[in-house]
């Protein structure tokens, strides 16, 4: 699985003009299931993200996790994280999981994050979404469970 994790002061996602997910302090997580991914990878990545120390402590150092600050997560599916641009200017997405598999793994990831004790809001898999965020820092981290 691939994730783009952004530390946010706030984030929200709308579909057809209706807000379907919104958080204050926490993480916006753009997530993509890759071909060959399995539910165990969802658990592993969710645990790592929940404990990722990218929030400031009392001395201003990135030393606290989402769990430490009692923050929330907004998880949005984004198959374009699988983009392959090695063969020209038009990205290919053949390494992304098929939609039915990707949706199941997306749901598994959300449940795994909730299982870590993280209040979690979501986007809508496969929908045309508008994501609004205030990136805090900015802090943006690319994560791939294969690396």
C-alpha atoms as a PDB file:
ATOM      1  CA  UNK A   1       0.000   0.000   0.000  1.00  0.00           C
ATOM      2  CA  UNK A   2       1.023   3.556  -0.596  1.00  0.00           C
ATOM      3  CA  UNK A   3       0.071   6.541   1.494  1.00  0.00           C
ATOM      4  CA  UNK A   4       0.689  10.243   1.370  1.00  0.00           C
ATOM      5  CA  UNK A   5       0.362  11.496   4.950  1.00  0.00           C
ATOM      6  CA  UNK A   6      -0.137  15.191   5.641  1.00  0.00           C
ATOM      7  CA  UNK A   7      -0.141  16.779   9.085  1.00  0.00           C
ATOM      8  CA  UNK A   8      -3.136  19.115   9.117  1.00  0.00           C
ATOM      9  CA  UNK A   9      -4.779  21.746  11.273  1.00  0.00           C
ATOM     10  CA  UNK A  10      -8.019  20.837   9.515  1.00  0.00           C
ATOM     11  CA  UNK A  11      -9.185  18.861   6.502  1.00  0.00           C
ATOM     12  CA  UNK A  12     -12.441  17.993   4.831  1.00  0.00           C
ATOM     13  CA  UNK A  13     -13.778  16.151   1.829  1.00  0.00           C
ATOM     14  CA  UNK A  14     -16.894  16.920  -0.179  1.00  0.00           C
ATOM     15  CA  UNK A  15     -18.824  14.958  -2.798  1.00  0.00           C
ATOM     16  CA  UNK A  16     -21.403  16.752  -4.947  1.00  0.00           C
ATOM     17  CA  UNK A  17     -21.126  19.818  -2.712  1.00  0.00           C
ATOM     18  CA  UNK A  18     -21.849  17.875   0.507  1.00  0.00           C
ATOM     19  CA  UNK A  19     -19.201  17.503   3.223  1.00  0.00           C
ATOM     20  CA  UNK A  20     -18.879  13.790   3.975  1.00  0.00           C
ATOM     21  CA  UNK A  21     -15.780  13.817   6.177  1.00  0.00           C
ATOM     22  CA  UNK A  22     -14.083  16.499   8.253  1.00  0.00           C
ATOM     23  CA  UNK A  23     -11.402  16.637  10.954  1.00  0.00           C
ATOM     24  CA  UNK A  24      -9.513  19.208  12.956  1.00  0.00           C
ATOM     25  CA  UNK A  25      -5.927  18.535  14.136  1.00  0.00           C
ATOM     26  CA  UNK A  26      -4.597  15.276  12.776  1.00  0.00           C
ATOM     27  CA  UNK A  27      -3.646  13.589   9.530  1.00  0.00           C
ATOM     28  CA  UNK A  28      -5.033  13.630   6.025  1.00  0.00           C
ATOM     29  CA  UNK A  29      -4.110  10.238   4.595  1.00  0.00           C
ATOM     30  CA  UNK A  30      -4.332   9.700   0.854  1.00  0.00           C
ATOM     31  CA  UNK A  31      -4.209   5.926   0.358  1.00  0.00           C
ATOM     32  CA  UNK A  32      -3.759   3.608  -2.614  1.00  0.00           C
ATOM     33  CA  UNK A  33      -3.954  -0.167  -2.661  1.00  0.00           C
ATOM     34  CA  UNK A  34      -1.427  -1.655  -5.063  1.00  0.00           C
ATOM     35  CA  UNK A  35      -1.749  -4.812  -7.125  1.00  0.00           C
ATOM     36  CA  UNK A  36      -0.868  -7.759  -4.887  1.00  0.00           C
ATOM     37  CA  UNK A  37      -1.625  -6.009  -1.585  1.00  0.00           C
ATOM     38  CA  UNK A  38      -3.333  -7.957   1.214  1.00  0.00           C
ATOM     39  CA  UNK A  39      -5.218  -7.060   4.429  1.00  0.00           C
ATOM     40  CA  UNK A  40      -2.107  -7.672   6.565  1.00  0.00           C
ATOM     41  CA  UNK A  41      -0.452  -4.714   4.862  1.00  0.00           C
ATOM     42  CA  UNK A  42      -3.386  -2.504   5.900  1.00  0.00           C
ATOM     43  CA  UNK A  43      -2.839  -3.435   9.539  1.00  0.00           C
ATOM     44  CA  UNK A  44       0.905  -2.827   9.332  1.00  0.00           C
ATOM     45  CA  UNK A  45       0.595   0.556   7.626  1.00  0.00           C
ATOM     46  CA  UNK A  46      -2.210   1.736   9.936  1.00  0.00           C
ATOM     47  CA  UNK A  47      -0.143   0.857  13.008  1.00  0.00           C
ATOM     48  CA  UNK A  48       2.889   2.689  11.629  1.00  0.00           C
ATOM     49  CA  UNK A  49       0.888   5.807  10.753  1.00  0.00           C
ATOM     50  CA  UNK A  50      -0.851   5.891  14.156  1.00  0.00           C
ATOM     51  CA  UNK A  51       2.566   5.891  15.850  1.00  0.00           C
ATOM     52  CA  UNK A  52       4.386   8.133  13.356  1.00  0.00           C
ATOM     53  CA  UNK A  53       6.034  10.879  15.436  1.00  0.00           C
ATOM     54  CA  UNK A  54       5.442  14.002  13.363  1.00  0.00           C
ATOM     55  CA  UNK A  55       3.596  16.266  15.809  1.00  0.00           C
ATOM     56  CA  UNK A  56       5.431  18.833  17.907  1.00  0.00           C
ATOM     57  CA  UNK A  57       6.234  18.220  21.556  1.00  0.00           C
ATOM     58  CA  UNK A  58       6.587  20.964  24.178  1.00  0.00           C
ATOM     59  CA  UNK A  59      10.044  21.831  22.820  1.00  0.00           C
ATOM     60  CA  UNK A  60       8.811  22.180  19.229  1.00  0.00           C
ATOM     61  CA  UNK A  61      10.354  18.904  18.032  1.00  0.00           C
ATOM     62  CA  UNK A  62       8.483  16.381  15.937  1.00  0.00           C
ATOM     63  CA  UNK A  63       8.271  13.799  18.685  1.00  0.00           C
ATOM     64  CA  UNK A  64       4.565  13.042  19.210  1.00  0.00           C
ATOM     65  CA  UNK A  65       2.261  10.686  17.351  1.00  0.00           C
ATOM     66  CA  UNK A  66      -1.364  10.946  16.320  1.00  0.00           C
ATOM     67  CA  UNK A  67      -2.142   8.742  19.316  1.00  0.00           C
ATOM     68  CA  UNK A  68      -0.132  11.004  21.633  1.00  0.00           C
ATOM     69  CA  UNK A  69      -2.073  14.120  20.637  1.00  0.00           C
ATOM     70  CA  UNK A  70      -5.496  12.408  20.462  1.00  0.00           C
ATOM     71  CA  UNK A  71      -5.767  13.554  16.860  1.00  0.00           C
ATOM     72  CA  UNK A  72      -8.058  12.327  14.101  1.00  0.00           C
ATOM     73  CA  UNK A  73      -7.551  11.022  10.580  1.00  0.00           C
ATOM     74  CA  UNK A  74      -9.286  11.724   7.302  1.00  0.00           C
ATOM     75  CA  UNK A  75      -8.663   8.850   4.880  1.00  0.00           C
ATOM     76  CA  UNK A  76      -9.219   9.443   1.171  1.00  0.00           C
ATOM     77  CA  UNK A  77      -8.711   6.807  -1.513  1.00  0.00           C
ATOM     78  CA  UNK A  78      -6.442   7.985  -4.317  1.00  0.00           C
ATOM     79  CA  UNK A  79      -5.471   5.489  -6.992  1.00  0.00           C
ATOM     80  CA  UNK A  80      -3.291   8.121  -8.675  1.00  0.00           C
ATOM     81  CA  UNK A  81      -0.611   7.414  -6.046  1.00  0.00           C
ATOM     82  CA  UNK A  82       0.127   4.384  -8.236  1.00  0.00           C
ATOM     83  CA  UNK A  83       1.115   6.636 -11.153  1.00  0.00           C
ATOM     84  CA  UNK A  84       3.935   5.361 -13.348  1.00  0.00           C
ATOM     85  CA  UNK A  85       5.501   8.153 -15.399  1.00  0.00           C
ATOM     86  CA  UNK A  86       8.510   6.195 -16.628  1.00  0.00           C
ATOM     87  CA  UNK A  87       7.222   5.839 -20.197  1.00  0.00           C
ATOM     88  CA  UNK A  88       6.396   9.404 -21.068  1.00  0.00           C
ATOM     89  CA  UNK A  89       4.136  12.215 -20.017  1.00  0.00           C
ATOM     90  CA  UNK A  90       0.891  10.328 -19.569  1.00  0.00           C
ATOM     91  CA  UNK A  91       0.865   8.410 -16.276  1.00  0.00           C
ATOM     92  CA  UNK A  92      -0.145   4.781 -16.201  1.00  0.00           C
ATOM     93  CA  UNK A  93      -2.011   3.240 -13.275  1.00  0.00           C
ATOM     94  CA  UNK A  94      -1.736  -0.476 -14.013  1.00  0.00           C
ATOM     95  CA  UNK A  95       0.043  -1.148 -10.702  1.00  0.00           C
ATOM     96  CA  UNK A  96      -2.988   0.002  -8.684  1.00  0.00           C
ATOM     97  CA  UNK A  97      -5.247  -2.736  -7.329  1.00  0.00           C
ATOM     98  CA  UNK A  98      -8.404  -3.427  -9.321  1.00  0.00           C
ATOM     99  CA  UNK A  99     -11.305  -1.272  -8.024  1.00  0.00           C
ATOM    100  CA  UNK A 100     -13.151  -4.058  -6.191  1.00  0.00           C
ATOM    101  CA  UNK A 101      -9.938  -5.165  -4.463  1.00  0.00           C
ATOM    102  CA  UNK A 102      -8.850  -1.588  -3.833  1.00  0.00           C
ATOM    103  CA  UNK A 103     -12.146  -0.713  -2.183  1.00  0.00           C
ATOM    104  CA  UNK A 104     -11.991  -3.723   0.148  1.00  0.00           C
ATOM    105  CA  UNK A 105      -8.415  -2.872   1.138  1.00  0.00           C
ATOM    106  CA  UNK A 106      -9.341   0.784   1.615  1.00  0.00           C
ATOM    107  CA  UNK A 107     -12.082  -0.291   4.035  1.00  0.00           C
ATOM    108  CA  UNK A 108      -9.647  -2.674   5.759  1.00  0.00           C
ATOM    109  CA  UNK A 109      -7.170   0.179   6.213  1.00  0.00           C
ATOM    110  CA  UNK A 110      -9.850   2.469   7.681  1.00  0.00           C
ATOM    111  CA  UNK A 111     -10.934  -0.244  10.127  1.00  0.00           C
ATOM    112  CA  UNK A 112      -7.308  -0.960  11.060  1.00  0.00           C
ATOM    113  CA  UNK A 113      -6.752   2.734  11.817  1.00  0.00           C
ATOM    114  CA  UNK A 114      -9.902   2.823  13.930  1.00  0.00           C
ATOM    115  CA  UNK A 115      -8.651  -0.321  15.642  1.00  0.00           C
ATOM    116  CA  UNK A 116      -5.569   1.665  16.676  1.00  0.00           C
ATOM    117  CA  UNK A 117      -7.899   4.040  18.539  1.00  0.00           C
ATOM    118  CA  UNK A 118      -7.815   6.813  15.939  1.00  0.00           C
ATOM    119  CA  UNK A 119     -11.098   8.667  15.267  1.00  0.00           C
ATOM    120  CA  UNK A 120     -11.345   8.291  11.493  1.00  0.00           C
ATOM    121  CA  UNK A 121     -13.433  10.048   8.857  1.00  0.00           C
ATOM    122  CA  UNK A 122     -13.424   8.996   5.199  1.00  0.00           C
ATOM    123  CA  UNK A 123     -13.978  10.075   1.676  1.00  0.00           C
ATOM    124  CA  UNK A 124     -16.066   8.014  -0.741  1.00  0.00           C
ATOM    125  CA  UNK A 125     -14.214   5.335  -2.690  1.00  0.00           C
ATOM    126  CA  UNK A 126     -14.302   5.964  -6.433  1.00  0.00           C
ATOM    127  CA  UNK A 127     -16.135   9.289  -6.158  1.00  0.00           C
ATOM    128  CA  UNK A 128     -15.069  12.614  -7.625  1.00  0.00           C
ATOM    129  CA  UNK A 129     -14.059  14.333  -4.388  1.00  0.00           C
ATOM    130  CA  UNK A 130     -12.895  17.799  -3.426  1.00  0.00           C
ATOM    131  CA  UNK A 131     -10.383  17.756  -0.578  1.00  0.00           C
ATOM    132  CA  UNK A 132      -9.738  20.882   1.450  1.00  0.00           C
ATOM    133  CA  UNK A 133      -6.885  21.055   3.947  1.00  0.00           C
ATOM    134  CA  UNK A 134      -4.658  23.302   5.977  1.00  0.00           C
ATOM    135  CA  UNK A 135      -1.282  21.562   5.865  1.00  0.00           C
ATOM    136  CA  UNK A 136       0.451  22.183   9.192  1.00  0.00           C
ATOM    137  CA  UNK A 137       4.160  22.834   8.798  1.00  0.00           C
ATOM    138  CA  UNK A 138       3.869  21.865   6.008  1.00  0.00           C
ATOM    139  CA  UNK A 139       4.590  18.248   6.868  1.00  0.00           C
ATOM    140  CA  UNK A 140       3.956  15.718   4.109  1.00  0.00           C
ATOM    141  CA  UNK A 141       5.363  12.182   4.175  1.00  0.00           C
ATOM    142  CA  UNK A 142       5.309   9.525   1.469  1.00  0.00           C
ATOM    143  CA  UNK A 143       4.925   5.982   2.803  1.00  0.00           C
ATOM    144  CA  UNK A 144       5.062   2.702   0.945  1.00  0.00           C
ATOM    145  CA  UNK A 145       4.829  -0.537   2.891  1.00  0.00           C
ATOM    146  CA  UNK A 146       7.135  -2.179   0.333  1.00  0.00           C
ATOM    147  CA  UNK A 147      10.003   0.212   0.958  1.00  0.00           C
END
